[in-house]
Amino acid sequence: MEVLPGQETLIASWRALAQLSSGARVIRRPRSVAAVFPSWAPLNNAILLGPAEAEGLRAAGTELRVVYRIAGIESWGLWLSSRATALDAPDQVGEVPDFTRDTTTLVMRLPSLEGFGEHANVIRTSVDGASRAGDEPVPVAELGGDDGVAGLHGWALVRDGVAVSGAWSCIHGRDCGIYAVGTVPQWRRRGLARALVEHVLADARSRGARTASLQSTRMARTLYESLRFAAVGRYEEWLSP
């Protein structure tokens, strides 16, 4: 199985986030690495590390079912990494026994952080506050402060005292991973997400990062390409039964 650029940064972000969530942990085994978050359902995902062939998939699936069952988690995702750079390219496997095909996210990488500037209306906040700001307007007073986990930062873009766009980032080595970029629906198409990401990139460079990585949906791809990110692979995501 391909190790995609930014994968170790993604795993490092899971470990950082686990410090903020009760009972959470990251379990790495020869066939897979699993993010186990009993109180944070969207983060319950595992990356297959071995080859995507029938025997390896069955063995990894069996191991992961035990891991998530012990944690009391009923639903989780299994991600298969691929070097395909088109969202509509054929899957590398036709089926994963007992799993349902879900979505595909594009892995994108930025080879240089030069040329980006900070924006005065972007502030550092808690990861929880940043997550909320991507879905609904949040008064600045309710965002919370930095979580105090090394390398992990929440970000929010503020308009008139209200956060209307959010993301979080994790610096691992010289790479900055950017995650969960979102803008409140009524504030979209105004360049806010772009300004937010530019600020995160500029801040990361000032902290020693030299590259950046993220996962993109189909809708966000054009934005990231305009920021010089290029597709380097994808995760084909399958849901547990």
Foldseek 3Di string as FASTA:
>chain_A
DDDFPCNVVVLVVLQLVQVVAPPWDWDDDQQKIFTAGLPDPVRGEMEGDDDPDQVSLVVVVVVVVVVRVVSVHDKGKYWYWWQDQDQPDDDPDPDRPQWAWDGKWFKWKFQFLPDFDADPQKDWFDQVLQLVLQADKAAPVPGHHAPPRPQKIKMFGDDPRITFWIWMWGDDQQEIEIDNTHGHVVPPPPCPSVNRVSNVSVVSVVVRHTMYMYIHDPVCVVSVVVVVIGTRIMIGMIMHD
